Amino acid sequence: MRKGIHPENYRIVAFKDMSNDDVFLTKSTANTNETLEVDGVEYPLVKMEISRTSHPFYTGKSKLVDTAGRIDKFKNKYAKFKK
C-alpha cells in the first residue's frame, strides 16, 4: 500500500440524528468542533438531518422532513396551475 494517502485523524465519532435525537458511534474522519458525552465518554459530534433511524426506506414509514420551507415554497409557486 502507498504511504501518506490515508487519513491520520481516524477516530470514534458520535453521529446524532437531529430529527429523532438518535445517537450512534462509528469511526470517521469528519471534522467537527462540537462534542457529546455518551456513557461517560466525550466524543466529537457530527449532526445529521436524516439517518437510518429516520429515513423512510429503512423505517418503512413515510415522514415529511422540511427543514427550509421548500415544500411550502413549491406549493405556493404552483398553486396557480391548480384547477
PDB file of N, CA and C in Angstrom:
ATOM      1  N   MET A   1       0.841  -1.188   0.000  1.00  0.00           N
ATOM      2  CA  MET A   1       0.000   0.000   0.000  1.00  0.00           C
ATOM      3  C   MET A   1       0.878   1.241   0.000  1.00  0.00           C
ATOM      4  N   ARG A   2       0.383   2.279  -0.654  1.00  0.00           N
ATOM      5  CA  ARG A   2       1.129   3.535  -0.688  1.00  0.00           C
ATOM      6  C   ARG A   2       1.048   4.233   0.659  1.00  0.00           C
ATOM      7  N   LYS A   3       2.121   4.840   1.054  1.00  0.00           N
ATOM      8  CA  LYS A   3       2.168   5.559   2.322  1.00  0.00           C
ATOM      9  C   LYS A   3       1.759   7.009   2.106  1.00  0.00           C
ATOM     10  N   GLY A   4       1.126   7.591   3.132  1.00  0.00           N
ATOM     11  CA  GLY A   4       0.783   9.001   3.082  1.00  0.00           C
ATOM     12  C   GLY A   4      -0.542   9.342   2.411  1.00  0.00           C
ATOM     13  N   ILE A   5      -1.317   8.340   2.006  1.00  0.00           N
ATOM     14  CA  ILE A   5      -2.595   8.644   1.352  1.00  0.00           C
ATOM     15  C   ILE A   5      -3.787   8.406   2.266  1.00  0.00           C
ATOM     16  N   HIS A   6      -3.558   7.812   3.431  1.00  0.00           N
ATOM     17  CA  HIS A   6      -4.652   7.515   4.346  1.00  0.00           C
ATOM     18  C   HIS A   6      -4.739   8.589   5.428  1.00  0.00           C
ATOM     19  N   PRO A   7      -5.948   8.955   5.857  1.00  0.00           N
ATOM     20  CA  PRO A   7      -6.096   9.997   6.878  1.00  0.00           C
ATOM     21  C   PRO A   7      -5.509   9.581   8.217  1.00  0.00           C
ATOM     22  N   GLU A   8      -4.990  10.567   8.931  1.00  0.00           N
ATOM     23  CA  GLU A   8      -4.375  10.319  10.233  1.00  0.00           C
ATOM     24  C   GLU A   8      -5.381  10.443  11.382  1.00  0.00           C
ATOM     25  N   ASN A   9      -6.454  11.224  11.175  1.00  0.00           N
ATOM     26  CA  ASN A   9      -7.389  11.527  12.275  1.00  0.00           C
ATOM     27  C   ASN A   9      -8.588  10.576  12.314  1.00  0.00           C
ATOM     28  N   TYR A  10      -8.386   9.309  12.021  1.00  0.00           N
ATOM     29  CA  TYR A  10      -9.444   8.305  12.048  1.00  0.00           C
ATOM     30  C   TYR A  10      -9.742   7.972  13.504  1.00  0.00           C
ATOM     31  N   ARG A  11     -10.958   8.293  13.978  1.00  0.00           N
ATOM     32  CA  ARG A  11     -11.289   8.108  15.384  1.00  0.00           C
ATOM     33  C   ARG A  11     -12.776   7.810  15.537  1.00  0.00           C
ATOM     34  N   ILE A  12     -13.197   7.452  16.749  1.00  0.00           N
ATOM     35  CA  ILE A  12     -14.611   7.194  17.020  1.00  0.00           C
ATOM     36  C   ILE A  12     -15.330   8.535  17.158  1.00  0.00           C
ATOM     37  N   VAL A  13     -16.453   8.662  16.464  1.00  0.00           N
ATOM     38  CA  VAL A  13     -17.233   9.900  16.417  1.00  0.00           C
ATOM     39  C   VAL A  13     -18.690   9.569  16.728  1.00  0.00           C
ATOM     40  N   ALA A  14     -19.376  10.475  17.430  1.00  0.00           N
ATOM     41  CA  ALA A  14     -20.812  10.325  17.703  1.00  0.00           C
ATOM     42  C   ALA A  14     -21.584  11.055  16.605  1.00  0.00           C
ATOM     43  N   PHE A  15     -22.484  10.350  15.948  1.00  0.00           N
ATOM     44  CA  PHE A  15     -23.374  10.940  14.949  1.00  0.00           C
ATOM     45  C   PHE A  15     -24.753  11.066  15.579  1.00  0.00           C
ATOM     46  N   LYS A  16     -25.354  12.252  15.496  1.00  0.00           N
ATOM     47  CA  LYS A  16     -26.664  12.490  16.107  1.00  0.00           C
ATOM     48  C   LYS A  16     -27.669  12.870  15.031  1.00  0.00           C
ATOM     49  N   ASP A  17     -28.760  12.112  14.977  1.00  0.00           N
ATOM     50  CA  ASP A  17     -29.871  12.410  14.068  1.00  0.00           C
ATOM     51  C   ASP A  17     -30.726  13.479  14.740  1.00  0.00           C
ATOM     52  N   MET A  18     -30.792  14.668  14.159  1.00  0.00           N
ATOM     53  CA  MET A  18     -31.486  15.790  14.784  1.00  0.00           C
ATOM     54  C   MET A  18     -33.005  15.660  14.702  1.00  0.00           C
ATOM     55  N   SER A  19     -33.520  14.795  13.815  1.00  0.00           N
ATOM     56  CA  SER A  19     -34.968  14.658  13.699  1.00  0.00           C
ATOM     57  C   SER A  19     -35.562  13.780  14.799  1.00  0.00           C
ATOM     58  N   ASN A  20     -34.774  12.841  15.351  1.00  0.00           N
ATOM     59  CA  ASN A  20     -35.314  11.986  16.409  1.00  0.00           C
ATOM     60  C   ASN A  20     -34.342  11.806  17.577  1.00  0.00           C
ATOM     61  N   ASP A  21     -33.252  12.556  17.602  1.00  0.00           N
ATOM     62  CA  ASP A  21     -32.258  12.547  18.689  1.00  0.00           C
ATOM     63  C   ASP A  21     -31.577  11.199  18.902  1.00  0.00           C
ATOM     64  N   ASP A  22     -31.542  10.352  17.888  1.00  0.00           N
ATOM     65  CA  ASP A  22     -30.823   9.086  17.985  1.00  0.00           C
ATOM     66  C   ASP A  22     -29.324   9.361  17.844  1.00  0.00           C
ATOM     67  N   VAL A  23     -28.516   8.710  18.661  1.00  0.00           N
ATOM     68  CA  VAL A  23     -27.062   8.869  18.623  1.00  0.00           C
ATOM     69  C   VAL A  23     -26.431   7.503  18.404  1.00  0.00           C
ATOM     70  N   PHE A  24     -25.467   7.430  17.482  1.00  0.00           N
ATOM     71  CA  PHE A  24     -24.714   6.195  17.308  1.00  0.00           C
ATOM     72  C   PHE A  24     -23.238   6.527  17.115  1.00  0.00           C
ATOM     73  N   LEU A  25     -22.389   5.593  17.502  1.00  0.00           N
ATOM     74  CA  LEU A  25     -20.945   5.770  17.429  1.00  0.00           C
ATOM     75  C   LEU A  25     -20.388   4.956  16.282  1.00  0.00           C
ATOM     76  N   THR A  26     -19.455   5.549  15.552  1.00  0.00           N
ATOM     77  CA  THR A  26     -18.759   4.854  14.481  1.00  0.00           C
ATOM     78  C   THR A  26     -17.443   5.562  14.232  1.00  0.00           C
ATOM     79  N   LYS A  27     -16.559   4.941  13.489  1.00  0.00           N
ATOM     80  CA  LYS A  27     -15.285   5.573  13.174  1.00  0.00           C
ATOM     81  C   LYS A  27     -15.454   6.500  11.980  1.00  0.00           C
ATOM     82  N   SER A  28     -14.756   7.641  12.035  1.00  0.00           N
ATOM     83  CA  SER A  28     -14.877   8.634  10.984  1.00  0.00           C
ATOM     84  C   SER A  28     -13.691   9.582  11.004  1.00  0.00           C
ATOM     85  N   THR A  29     -13.510  10.294   9.898  1.00  0.00           N
ATOM     86  CA  THR A  29     -12.508  11.354   9.821  1.00  0.00           C
ATOM     87  C   THR A  29     -13.178  12.715   9.706  1.00  0.00           C
ATOM     88  N   ALA A  30     -14.486  12.777   9.916  1.00  0.00           N
ATOM     89  CA  ALA A  30     -15.238  14.028   9.785  1.00  0.00           C
ATOM     90  C   ALA A  30     -14.731  15.071  10.777  1.00  0.00           C
ATOM     91  N   ASN A  31     -14.530  16.301  10.286  1.00  0.00           N
ATOM     92  CA  ASN A  31     -14.090  17.396  11.149  1.00  0.00           C
ATOM     93  C   ASN A  31     -15.280  17.982  11.892  1.00  0.00           C
ATOM     94  N   THR A  32     -15.099  18.281  13.167  1.00  0.00           N
ATOM     95  CA  THR A  32     -16.163  18.853  13.969  1.00  0.00           C
ATOM     96  C   THR A  32     -15.577  19.625  15.141  1.00  0.00           C
ATOM     97  N   ASN A  33     -16.314  20.625  15.617  1.00  0.00           N
ATOM     98  CA  ASN A  33     -15.887  21.422  16.761  1.00  0.00           C
ATOM     99  C   ASN A  33     -16.680  21.080  18.013  1.00  0.00           C
ATOM    100  N   GLU A  34     -17.805  20.390  17.849  1.00  0.00           N
ATOM    101  CA  GLU A  34     -18.678  20.072  18.978  1.00  0.00           C
ATOM    102  C   GLU A  34     -18.354  18.682  19.526  1.00  0.00           C
ATOM    103  N   THR A  35     -18.715  18.480  20.801  1.00  0.00           N
ATOM    104  CA  THR A  35     -18.542  17.175  21.427  1.00  0.00           C
ATOM    105  C   THR A  35     -19.838  16.766  22.106  1.00  0.00           C
ATOM    106  N   LEU A  36     -19.956  15.471  22.371  1.00  0.00           N
ATOM    107  CA  LEU A  36     -21.132  14.920  23.038  1.00  0.00           C
ATOM    108  C   LEU A  36     -20.664  13.812  23.969  1.00  0.00           C
ATOM    109  N   GLU A  37     -21.235  13.778  25.167  1.00  0.00           N
ATOM    110  CA  GLU A  37     -20.881  12.739  26.123  1.00  0.00           C
ATOM    111  C   GLU A  37     -21.832  11.558  25.973  1.00  0.00           C
ATOM    112  N   VAL A  38     -21.274  10.382  25.736  1.00  0.00           N
ATOM    113  CA  VAL A  38     -22.047   9.147  25.596  1.00  0.00           C
ATOM    114  C   VAL A  38     -21.463   8.128  26.566  1.00  0.00           C
ATOM    115  N   ASP A  39     -22.278   7.666  27.498  1.00  0.00           N
ATOM    116  CA  ASP A  39     -21.853   6.683  28.505  1.00  0.00           C
ATOM    117  C   ASP A  39     -20.601   7.134  29.265  1.00  0.00           C
ATOM    118  N   GLY A  40     -20.548   8.410  29.592  1.00  0.00           N
ATOM    119  CA  GLY A  40     -19.453   8.950  30.383  1.00  0.00           C
ATOM    120  C   GLY A  40     -18.181   9.260  29.615  1.00  0.00           C
ATOM    121  N   VAL A  41     -18.182   9.058  28.306  1.00  0.00           N
ATOM    122  CA  VAL A  41     -17.017   9.341  27.470  1.00  0.00           C
ATOM    123  C   VAL A  41     -17.391  10.449  26.485  1.00  0.00           C
ATOM    124  N   GLU A  42     -16.498  11.415  26.296  1.00  0.00           N
ATOM    125  CA  GLU A  42     -16.769  12.534  25.391  1.00  0.00           C
ATOM    126  C   GLU A  42     -16.228  12.212  23.994  1.00  0.00           C
ATOM    127  N   TYR A  43     -17.108  12.361  22.977  1.00  0.00           N
ATOM    128  CA  TYR A  43     -16.754  12.080  21.589  1.00  0.00           C
ATOM    129  C   TYR A  43     -16.996  13.317  20.739  1.00  0.00           C
ATOM    130  N   PRO A  44     -16.279  13.471  19.615  1.00  0.00           N
ATOM    131  CA  PRO A  44     -16.609  14.521  18.649  1.00  0.00           C
ATOM    132  C   PRO A  44     -18.017  14.269  18.109  1.00  0.00           C
ATOM    133  N   LEU A  45     -18.772  15.331  17.845  1.00  0.00           N
ATOM    134  CA  LEU A  45     -20.174  15.208  17.434  1.00  0.00           C
ATOM    135  C   LEU A  45     -20.378  15.691  16.012  1.00  0.00           C
ATOM    136  N   VAL A  46     -21.067  14.884  15.211  1.00  0.00           N
ATOM    137  CA  VAL A  46     -21.491  15.259  13.870  1.00  0.00           C
ATOM    138  C   VAL A  46     -23.011  15.206  13.850  1.00  0.00           C
ATOM    139  N   LYS A  47     -23.662  16.336  13.507  1.00  0.00           N
ATOM    140  CA  LYS A  47     -25.127  16.404  13.464  1.00  0.00           C
ATOM    141  C   LYS A  47     -25.614  16.091  12.050  1.00  0.00           C
ATOM    142  N   MET A  48     -26.695  15.282  11.986  1.00  0.00           N
ATOM    143  CA  MET A  48     -27.280  14.903  10.696  1.00  0.00           C
ATOM    144  C   MET A  48     -28.776  15.184  10.720  1.00  0.00           C
ATOM    145  N   GLU A  49     -29.356  15.421   9.550  1.00  0.00           N
ATOM    146  CA  GLU A  49     -30.801  15.632   9.466  1.00  0.00           C
ATOM    147  C   GLU A  49     -31.541  14.307   9.317  1.00  0.00           C
ATOM    148  N   ILE A  50     -30.933  13.348   8.621  1.00  0.00           N
ATOM    149  CA  ILE A  50     -31.571  12.058   8.380  1.00  0.00           C
ATOM    150  C   ILE A  50     -30.532  10.958   8.577  1.00  0.00           C
ATOM    151  N   SER A  51     -30.943   9.871   9.228  1.00  0.00           N
ATOM    152  CA  SER A  51     -30.070   8.705   9.393  1.00  0.00           C
ATOM    153  C   SER A  51     -30.889   7.450   9.146  1.00  0.00           C
ATOM    154  N   ARG A  52     -30.311   6.320   9.437  1.00  0.00           N
ATOM    155  CA  ARG A  52     -31.011   5.051   9.220  1.00  0.00           C
ATOM    156  C   ARG A  52     -32.226   4.903  10.128  1.00  0.00           C
ATOM    157  N   THR A  53     -32.273   5.635  11.247  1.00  0.00           N
ATOM    158  CA  THR A  53     -33.410   5.522  12.163  1.00  0.00           C
ATOM    159  C   THR A  53     -34.568   6.442  11.801  1.00  0.00           C
ATOM    160  N   SER A  54     -34.354   7.357  10.842  1.00  0.00           N
ATOM    161  CA  SER A  54     -35.441   8.258  10.473  1.00  0.00           C
ATOM    162  C   SER A  54     -35.744   8.254   8.968  1.00  0.00           C
ATOM    163  N   HIS A  55     -34.923   7.614   8.159  1.00  0.00           N
ATOM    164  CA  HIS A  55     -35.147   7.597   6.709  1.00  0.00           C
ATOM    165  C   HIS A  55     -36.287   6.633   6.375  1.00  0.00           C
ATOM    166  N   PRO A  56     -37.237   7.063   5.545  1.00  0.00           N
ATOM    167  CA  PRO A  56     -38.400   6.218   5.217  1.00  0.00           C
ATOM    168  C   PRO A  56     -38.032   4.859   4.612  1.00  0.00           C
ATOM    169  N   PHE A  57     -36.939   4.775   3.881  1.00  0.00           N
ATOM    170  CA  PHE A  57     -36.550   3.495   3.277  1.00  0.00           C
ATOM    171  C   PHE A  57     -36.261   2.453   4.353  1.00  0.00           C
ATOM    172  N   TYR A  58     -35.606   2.849   5.424  1.00  0.00           N
ATOM    173  CA  TYR A  58     -35.234   1.914   6.485  1.00  0.00           C
ATOM    174  C   TYR A  58     -36.332   1.718   7.515  1.00  0.00           C
ATOM    175  N   THR A  59     -37.149   2.740   7.753  1.00  0.00           N
ATOM    176  CA  THR A  59     -38.188   2.637   8.771  1.00  0.00           C
ATOM    177  C   THR A  59     -39.497   2.090   8.224  1.00  0.00           C
ATOM    178  N   GLY A  60     -39.717   2.227   6.920  1.00  0.00           N
ATOM    179  CA  GLY A  60     -40.968   1.782   6.322  1.00  0.00           C
ATOM    180  C   GLY A  60     -42.107   2.754   6.555  1.00  0.00           C
ATOM    181  N   LYS A  61     -41.802   3.904   7.143  1.00  0.00           N
ATOM    182  CA  LYS A  61     -42.815   4.924   7.410  1.00  0.00           C
ATOM    183  C   LYS A  61     -42.530   6.148   6.563  1.00  0.00           C
ATOM    184  N   SER A  62     -43.581   6.743   6.061  1.00  0.00           N
ATOM    185  CA  SER A  62     -43.439   7.977   5.304  1.00  0.00           C
ATOM    186  C   SER A  62     -43.442   9.142   6.274  1.00  0.00           C
ATOM    187  N   LYS A  63     -42.391   9.934   6.236  1.00  0.00           N
ATOM    188  CA  LYS A  63     -42.272  11.067   7.152  1.00  0.00           C
ATOM    189  C   LYS A  63     -41.845  12.280   6.359  1.00  0.00           C
ATOM    190  N   LEU A  64     -42.511  13.386   6.571  1.00  0.00           N
ATOM    191  CA  LEU A  64     -42.208  14.622   5.872  1.00  0.00           C
ATOM    192  C   LEU A  64     -41.137  15.388   6.635  1.00  0.00           C
ATOM    193  N   VAL A  65     -39.996  15.599   5.995  1.00  0.00           N
ATOM    194  CA  VAL A  65     -38.913  16.365   6.604  1.00  0.00           C
ATOM    195  C   VAL A  65     -38.723  17.613   5.755  1.00  0.00           C
ATOM    196  N   ASP A  66     -39.070  18.749   6.302  1.00  0.00           N
ATOM    197  CA  ASP A  66     -38.954  20.014   5.585  1.00  0.00           C
ATOM    198  C   ASP A  66     -38.219  20.996   6.481  1.00  0.00           C
ATOM    199  N   THR A  67     -36.924  21.134   6.264  1.00  0.00           N
ATOM    200  CA  THR A  67     -36.120  21.962   7.149  1.00  0.00           C
ATOM    201  C   THR A  67     -36.004  23.398   6.667  1.00  0.00           C
ATOM    202  N   ALA A  68     -36.318  23.664   5.425  1.00  0.00           N
ATOM    203  CA  ALA A  68     -36.109  25.016   4.901  1.00  0.00           C
ATOM    204  C   ALA A  68     -37.373  25.607   4.272  1.00  0.00           C
ATOM    205  N   GLY A  69     -38.533  25.013   4.507  1.00  0.00           N
ATOM    206  CA  GLY A  69     -39.771  25.542   3.933  1.00  0.00           C
ATOM    207  C   GLY A  69     -39.880  25.314   2.436  1.00  0.00           C
ATOM    208  N   ARG A  70     -39.132  24.364   1.904  1.00  0.00           N
ATOM    209  CA  ARG A  70     -39.120  24.141   0.458  1.00  0.00           C
ATOM    210  C   ARG A  70     -40.447  23.628  -0.057  1.00  0.00           C
ATOM    211  N   ILE A  71     -41.135  22.831   0.735  1.00  0.00           N
ATOM    212  CA  ILE A  71     -42.415  22.284   0.287  1.00  0.00           C
ATOM    213  C   ILE A  71     -43.454  23.393   0.181  1.00  0.00           C
ATOM    214  N   ASP A  72     -43.496  24.284   1.169  1.00  0.00           N
ATOM    215  CA  ASP A  72     -44.438  25.411   1.112  1.00  0.00           C
ATOM    216  C   ASP A  72     -44.131  26.320  -0.070  1.00  0.00           C
ATOM    217  N   LYS A  73     -42.870  26.566  -0.339  1.00  0.00           N
ATOM    218  CA  LYS A  73     -42.482  27.385  -1.490  1.00  0.00           C
ATOM    219  C   LYS A  73     -42.988  26.754  -2.782  1.00  0.00           C
ATOM    220  N   PHE A  74     -42.795  25.432  -2.904  1.00  0.00           N
ATOM    221  CA  PHE A  74     -43.220  24.721  -4.099  1.00  0.00           C
ATOM    222  C   PHE A  74     -44.734  24.811  -4.270  1.00  0.00           C
ATOM    223  N   LYS A  75     -45.471  24.566  -3.188  1.00  0.00           N
ATOM    224  CA  LYS A  75     -46.935  24.614  -3.260  1.00  0.00           C
ATOM    225  C   LYS A  75     -47.421  26.002  -3.638  1.00  0.00           C
ATOM    226  N   ASN A  76     -46.834  27.034  -3.078  1.00  0.00           N
ATOM    227  CA  ASN A  76     -47.228  28.407  -3.406  1.00  0.00           C
ATOM    228  C   ASN A  76     -46.906  28.750  -4.852  1.00  0.00           C
ATOM    229  N   LYS A  77     -45.776  28.302  -5.323  1.00  0.00           N
ATOM    230  CA  LYS A  77     -45.336  28.613  -6.686  1.00  0.00           C
ATOM    231  C   LYS A  77     -46.274  27.993  -7.730  1.00  0.00           C
ATOM    232  N   TYR A  78     -46.716  26.763  -7.477  1.00  0.00           N
ATOM    233  CA  TYR A  78     -47.519  26.056  -8.465  1.00  0.00           C
ATOM    234  C   TYR A  78     -49.016  26.030  -8.107  1.00  0.00           C
ATOM    235  N   ALA A  79     -49.443  26.791  -7.143  1.00  0.00           N
ATOM    236  CA  ALA A  79     -50.855  26.851  -6.780  1.00  0.00           C
ATOM    237  C   ALA A  79     -51.700  27.437  -7.911  1.00  0.00           C
ATOM    238  N   LYS A  80     -51.110  28.332  -8.707  1.00  0.00           N
ATOM    239  CA  LYS A  80     -51.872  28.971  -9.799  1.00  0.00           C
ATOM    240  C   LYS A  80     -52.236  27.985 -10.910  1.00  0.00           C
ATOM    241  N   PHE A  81     -51.576  26.843 -10.982  1.00  0.00           N
ATOM    242  CA  PHE A  81     -51.878  25.862 -12.011  1.00  0.00           C
ATOM    243  C   PHE A  81     -52.945  24.865 -11.585  1.00  0.00           C
ATOM    244  N   LYS A  82     -53.398  24.959 -10.339  1.00  0.00           N
ATOM    245  CA  LYS A  82     -54.447  24.068  -9.843  1.00  0.00           C
ATOM    246  C   LYS A  82     -55.755  24.352 -10.564  1.00  0.00           C
ATOM    247  N   LYS A  83     -56.523  23.345 -10.772  1.00  0.00           N
ATOM    248  CA  LYS A  83     -57.815  23.537 -11.434  1.00  0.00           C
ATOM    249  C   LYS A  83     -58.918  23.649 -10.420  1.00  0.00           C
TER     250      LYS A  83
END
